[in-house]
Amino acid sequence: MHHPQITPRSTPELTPSVEELEKQERRLVFRQFTYDDAWALGSLLVETARERQAPVAIDIHRGGQQLFHAALPGSTPDNDAWIARKRRVVERYGSASYLVGARFRAKGTTFEESSRLDPDTYAAHGGSFPITVENVGVIGSVTVSGLPQLQDHRMVVEALERFLDL
């Protein structure tokens, strides 16, 4: 007999709530963030992306300086443009680009409709996450572009969790 409730099937990825996304930001905080940390975190992301054959570009910025960049096979210059647009959202709002978009959606609107910011300059799509240092605040961002936005976001969060050993 067929029981749809127990039949294995692929399910769409569950979209995290604003509360879950805010909790990620509170957890993923550094004691410090050095040039060596940027290299190690970027290298961890490259290793993860290679294992998954993910066609992504990876970027780490601190205080207006690019500390790490890598483009993997299958990525394009368009990914670099997306990185810049997502990173600007983190710099402006001090929150993950995915969370900023989710906050607008939770209010029944979209970032593009309601932020009053140029969508060619800012993109509240998943993939850019703030680098937050204890007792300092947001000092930079780590960004992935090349996958659907929720997967970009999750790749960054997973790397931060592994890097911070949470």
C-alpha atoms as a PDB file:
ATOM      1  CA  MET A   1       0.000   0.000   0.000  1.00  0.00           C
ATOM      2  CA  HIS A   2       1.239   3.496  -0.904  1.00  0.00           C
ATOM      3  CA  HIS A   3       1.633   5.971   1.974  1.00  0.00           C
ATOM      4  CA  PRO A   4       2.620   9.373   0.587  1.00  0.00           C
ATOM      5  CA  GLN A   5       3.598  10.666   4.030  1.00  0.00           C
ATOM      6  CA  ILE A   6       6.357   8.029   4.359  1.00  0.00           C
ATOM      7  CA  THR A   7       7.415   7.773   0.731  1.00  0.00           C
ATOM      8  CA  PRO A   8      10.947   9.172   0.389  1.00  0.00           C
ATOM      9  CA  ARG A   9      11.020  12.076  -2.007  1.00  0.00           C
ATOM     10  CA  SER A  10      13.158  15.065  -2.657  1.00  0.00           C
ATOM     11  CA  THR A  11      11.969  18.098  -0.761  1.00  0.00           C
ATOM     12  CA  PRO A  12      12.811  21.684  -1.580  1.00  0.00           C
ATOM     13  CA  GLU A  13      15.332  23.287   0.746  1.00  0.00           C
ATOM     14  CA  LEU A  14      13.616  24.842   3.723  1.00  0.00           C
ATOM     15  CA  THR A  15      14.032  28.585   3.769  1.00  0.00           C
ATOM     16  CA  PRO A  16      15.506  29.695   7.090  1.00  0.00           C
ATOM     17  CA  SER A  17      13.503  32.201   9.134  1.00  0.00           C
ATOM     18  CA  VAL A  18      14.733  35.696   9.947  1.00  0.00           C
ATOM     19  CA  GLU A  19      15.236  34.465  13.544  1.00  0.00           C
ATOM     20  CA  GLU A  20      17.404  31.518  12.402  1.00  0.00           C
ATOM     21  CA  LEU A  21      19.499  33.831  10.224  1.00  0.00           C
ATOM     22  CA  GLU A  22      19.957  36.322  13.065  1.00  0.00           C
ATOM     23  CA  LYS A  23      21.010  33.461  15.354  1.00  0.00           C
ATOM     24  CA  GLN A  24      23.713  32.473  12.813  1.00  0.00           C
ATOM     25  CA  GLU A  25      25.126  36.002  12.955  1.00  0.00           C
ATOM     26  CA  ARG A  26      25.203  36.016  16.771  1.00  0.00           C
ATOM     27  CA  ARG A  27      27.060  32.658  16.793  1.00  0.00           C
ATOM     28  CA  LEU A  28      29.569  33.255  14.015  1.00  0.00           C
ATOM     29  CA  VAL A  29      31.803  35.844  15.664  1.00  0.00           C
ATOM     30  CA  PHE A  30      35.609  36.005  15.629  1.00  0.00           C
ATOM     31  CA  ARG A  31      37.916  36.955  18.509  1.00  0.00           C
ATOM     32  CA  GLN A  32      40.158  38.570  15.887  1.00  0.00           C
ATOM     33  CA  PHE A  33      40.462  38.450  12.104  1.00  0.00           C
ATOM     34  CA  THR A  34      43.954  38.602  10.598  1.00  0.00           C
ATOM     35  CA  TYR A  35      45.410  38.301   7.109  1.00  0.00           C
ATOM     36  CA  ASP A  36      46.259  34.686   7.956  1.00  0.00           C
ATOM     37  CA  ASP A  37      42.659  34.066   9.039  1.00  0.00           C
ATOM     38  CA  ALA A  38      41.445  35.420   5.693  1.00  0.00           C
ATOM     39  CA  TRP A  39      43.804  33.070   3.836  1.00  0.00           C
ATOM     40  CA  ALA A  40      42.785  30.052   5.962  1.00  0.00           C
ATOM     41  CA  LEU A  41      39.039  30.766   5.665  1.00  0.00           C
ATOM     42  CA  GLY A  42      39.313  31.421   1.934  1.00  0.00           C
ATOM     43  CA  SER A  43      41.324  28.229   1.461  1.00  0.00           C
ATOM     44  CA  LEU A  44      38.710  26.255   3.424  1.00  0.00           C
ATOM     45  CA  LEU A  45      36.002  27.632   1.110  1.00  0.00           C
ATOM     46  CA  VAL A  46      38.050  26.730  -1.977  1.00  0.00           C
ATOM     47  CA  GLU A  47      38.560  23.189  -0.656  1.00  0.00           C
ATOM     48  CA  THR A  48      34.815  22.841   0.067  1.00  0.00           C
ATOM     49  CA  ALA A  49      33.856  24.198  -3.353  1.00  0.00           C
ATOM     50  CA  ARG A  50      36.329  21.877  -5.122  1.00  0.00           C
ATOM     51  CA  GLU A  51      34.966  18.829  -3.253  1.00  0.00           C
ATOM     52  CA  ARG A  52      31.478  19.755  -4.467  1.00  0.00           C
ATOM     53  CA  GLN A  53      32.639  20.853  -7.925  1.00  0.00           C
ATOM     54  CA  ALA A  54      30.849  24.124  -7.230  1.00  0.00           C
ATOM     55  CA  PRO A  55      31.367  26.747  -9.957  1.00  0.00           C
ATOM     56  CA  VAL A  56      31.881  29.625  -7.541  1.00  0.00           C
ATOM     57  CA  ALA A  57      33.956  32.699  -6.933  1.00  0.00           C
ATOM     58  CA  ILE A  58      35.013  33.441  -3.343  1.00  0.00           C
ATOM     59  CA  ASP A  59      35.918  36.807  -1.843  1.00  0.00           C
ATOM     60  CA  ILE A  60      37.011  38.059   1.575  1.00  0.00           C
ATOM     61  CA  HIS A  61      37.188  41.777   2.317  1.00  0.00           C
ATOM     62  CA  ARG A  62      38.247  43.587   5.478  1.00  0.00           C
ATOM     63  CA  GLY A  63      38.051  47.339   5.909  1.00  0.00           C
ATOM     64  CA  GLY A  64      37.792  48.028   2.201  1.00  0.00           C
ATOM     65  CA  GLN A  65      40.705  45.761   1.272  1.00  0.00           C
ATOM     66  CA  GLN A  66      40.356  42.500  -0.621  1.00  0.00           C
ATOM     67  CA  LEU A  67      42.301  39.924   1.394  1.00  0.00           C
ATOM     68  CA  PHE A  68      41.293  36.822  -0.589  1.00  0.00           C
ATOM     69  CA  HIS A  69      39.815  36.017  -3.974  1.00  0.00           C
ATOM     70  CA  ALA A  70      39.477  32.779  -5.889  1.00  0.00           C
ATOM     71  CA  ALA A  71      37.544  31.822  -8.994  1.00  0.00           C
ATOM     72  CA  LEU A  72      36.872  28.133  -9.543  1.00  0.00           C
ATOM     73  CA  PRO A  73      36.162  26.357 -12.831  1.00  0.00           C
ATOM     74  CA  GLY A  74      32.720  27.253 -14.126  1.00  0.00           C
ATOM     75  CA  SER A  75      32.617  30.661 -12.454  1.00  0.00           C
ATOM     76  CA  THR A  76      32.483  33.781 -14.629  1.00  0.00           C
ATOM     77  CA  PRO A  77      33.183  37.516 -14.351  1.00  0.00           C
ATOM     78  CA  ASP A  78      29.464  37.880 -13.593  1.00  0.00           C
ATOM     79  CA  ASN A  79      30.098  36.123 -10.249  1.00  0.00           C
ATOM     80  CA  ASP A  80      32.557  38.897  -9.335  1.00  0.00           C
ATOM     81  CA  ALA A  81      29.870  41.499 -10.088  1.00  0.00           C
ATOM     82  CA  TRP A  82      27.414  39.606  -7.846  1.00  0.00           C
ATOM     83  CA  ILE A  83      30.056  39.420  -5.095  1.00  0.00           C
ATOM     84  CA  ALA A  84      30.504  43.194  -5.188  1.00  0.00           C
ATOM     85  CA  ARG A  85      26.734  43.836  -5.066  1.00  0.00           C
ATOM     86  CA  LYS A  86      26.159  41.369  -2.195  1.00  0.00           C
ATOM     87  CA  ARG A  87      29.216  42.661  -0.278  1.00  0.00           C
ATOM     88  CA  ARG A  88      27.892  46.239  -0.478  1.00  0.00           C
ATOM     89  CA  VAL A  89      24.677  45.088   1.243  1.00  0.00           C
ATOM     90  CA  VAL A  90      26.720  43.640   4.138  1.00  0.00           C
ATOM     91  CA  GLU A  91      28.791  46.844   4.340  1.00  0.00           C
ATOM     92  CA  ARG A  92      25.667  49.037   4.371  1.00  0.00           C
ATOM     93  CA  TYR A  93      23.407  46.985   6.669  1.00  0.00           C
ATOM     94  CA  GLY A  94      25.964  45.133   8.825  1.00  0.00           C
ATOM     95  CA  SER A  95      24.074  41.883   8.214  1.00  0.00           C
ATOM     96  CA  ALA A  96      24.252  38.926   5.843  1.00  0.00           C
ATOM     97  CA  SER A  97      22.957  39.719   2.367  1.00  0.00           C
ATOM     98  CA  TYR A  98      20.489  36.811   2.619  1.00  0.00           C
ATOM     99  CA  LEU A  99      19.187  38.087   5.981  1.00  0.00           C
ATOM    100  CA  VAL A 100      18.683  41.611   4.598  1.00  0.00           C
ATOM    101  CA  GLY A 101      16.596  40.185   1.738  1.00  0.00           C
ATOM    102  CA  ALA A 102      14.664  37.966   4.166  1.00  0.00           C
ATOM    103  CA  ARG A 103      13.809  40.961   6.373  1.00  0.00           C
ATOM    104  CA  PHE A 104      12.276  42.774   3.395  1.00  0.00           C
ATOM    105  CA  ARG A 105      10.345  39.634   2.366  1.00  0.00           C
ATOM    106  CA  ALA A 106       9.068  39.236   5.954  1.00  0.00           C
ATOM    107  CA  LYS A 107       7.560  42.731   5.630  1.00  0.00           C
ATOM    108  CA  GLY A 108       5.737  41.644   2.462  1.00  0.00           C
ATOM    109  CA  THR A 109       7.978  43.491   0.046  1.00  0.00           C
ATOM    110  CA  THR A 110      11.347  43.049  -1.650  1.00  0.00           C
ATOM    111  CA  PHE A 111      14.720  44.706  -1.249  1.00  0.00           C
ATOM    112  CA  GLU A 112      14.523  45.908  -4.860  1.00  0.00           C
ATOM    113  CA  GLU A 113      11.093  47.535  -4.327  1.00  0.00           C
ATOM    114  CA  SER A 114      11.672  49.103  -0.920  1.00  0.00           C
ATOM    115  CA  SER A 115      15.379  49.727  -0.206  1.00  0.00           C
ATOM    116  CA  ARG A 116      15.623  52.744  -2.518  1.00  0.00           C
ATOM    117  CA  LEU A 117      19.074  51.465  -3.534  1.00  0.00           C
ATOM    118  CA  ASP A 118      20.286  50.847  -7.087  1.00  0.00           C
ATOM    119  CA  PRO A 119      19.979  47.101  -7.869  1.00  0.00           C
ATOM    120  CA  ASP A 120      23.012  47.415 -10.153  1.00  0.00           C
ATOM    121  CA  THR A 121      25.029  48.365  -7.051  1.00  0.00           C
ATOM    122  CA  TYR A 122      23.335  46.378  -4.245  1.00  0.00           C
ATOM    123  CA  ALA A 123      21.940  42.823  -4.189  1.00  0.00           C
ATOM    124  CA  ALA A 124      20.269  41.388  -1.080  1.00  0.00           C
ATOM    125  CA  HIS A 125      20.793  37.840  -2.359  1.00  0.00           C
ATOM    126  CA  GLY A 126      22.402  35.098  -0.310  1.00  0.00           C
ATOM    127  CA  GLY A 127      26.137  34.566  -0.227  1.00  0.00           C
ATOM    128  CA  SER A 128      27.755  37.450   1.635  1.00  0.00           C
ATOM    129  CA  PHE A 129      28.177  37.171   5.405  1.00  0.00           C
ATOM    130  CA  PRO A 130      29.603  39.748   7.811  1.00  0.00           C
ATOM    131  CA  ILE A 131      32.942  39.155   9.473  1.00  0.00           C
ATOM    132  CA  THR A 132      32.178  40.257  13.018  1.00  0.00           C
ATOM    133  CA  VAL A 133      34.849  40.602  15.699  1.00  0.00           C
ATOM    134  CA  GLU A 134      33.935  40.429  19.414  1.00  0.00           C
ATOM    135  CA  ASN A 135      33.700  43.875  21.031  1.00  0.00           C
ATOM    136  CA  VAL A 136      34.426  45.545  17.670  1.00  0.00           C
ATOM    137  CA  GLY A 137      31.579  44.776  15.271  1.00  0.00           C
ATOM    138  CA  VAL A 138      31.456  44.110  11.545  1.00  0.00           C
ATOM    139  CA  ILE A 139      34.877  44.624   9.971  1.00  0.00           C
ATOM    140  CA  GLY A 140      34.418  42.899   6.624  1.00  0.00           C
ATOM    141  CA  SER A 141      32.666  40.164   4.695  1.00  0.00           C
ATOM    142  CA  VAL A 142      33.110  36.732   3.206  1.00  0.00           C
ATOM    143  CA  THR A 143      31.200  36.126  -0.021  1.00  0.00           C
ATOM    144  CA  VAL A 144      30.454  33.220  -2.355  1.00  0.00           C
ATOM    145  CA  SER A 145      28.727  33.554  -5.733  1.00  0.00           C
ATOM    146  CA  GLY A 146      27.840  30.934  -8.328  1.00  0.00           C
ATOM    147  CA  LEU A 147      25.144  28.748  -6.776  1.00  0.00           C
ATOM    148  CA  PRO A 148      21.479  29.470  -6.033  1.00  0.00           C
ATOM    149  CA  GLN A 149      21.439  32.134  -3.301  1.00  0.00           C
ATOM    150  CA  LEU A 150      20.492  29.876  -0.388  1.00  0.00           C
ATOM    151  CA  GLN A 151      23.300  27.453  -1.320  1.00  0.00           C
ATOM    152  CA  ASP A 152      25.789  30.348  -1.546  1.00  0.00           C
ATOM    153  CA  HIS A 153      24.682  31.453   1.942  1.00  0.00           C
ATOM    154  CA  ARG A 154      24.884  27.943   3.379  1.00  0.00           C
ATOM    155  CA  MET A 155      28.364  27.339   1.948  1.00  0.00           C
ATOM    156  CA  VAL A 156      29.654  30.454   3.723  1.00  0.00           C
ATOM    157  CA  VAL A 157      27.895  29.610   7.015  1.00  0.00           C
ATOM    158  CA  GLU A 158      29.213  26.036   6.942  1.00  0.00           C
ATOM    159  CA  ALA A 159      32.778  27.261   6.333  1.00  0.00           C
ATOM    160  CA  LEU A 160      32.492  29.804   9.167  1.00  0.00           C
ATOM    161  CA  GLU A 161      31.172  27.099  11.512  1.00  0.00           C
ATOM    162  CA  ARG A 162      34.071  24.808  10.614  1.00  0.00           C
ATOM    163  CA  PHE A 163      36.631  27.621  10.826  1.00  0.00           C
ATOM    164  CA  LEU A 164      35.357  28.792  14.220  1.00  0.00           C
ATOM    165  CA  ASP A 165      35.034  25.125  15.256  1.00  0.00           C
ATOM    166  CA  LEU A 166      31.384  25.447  16.323  1.00  0.00           C
END
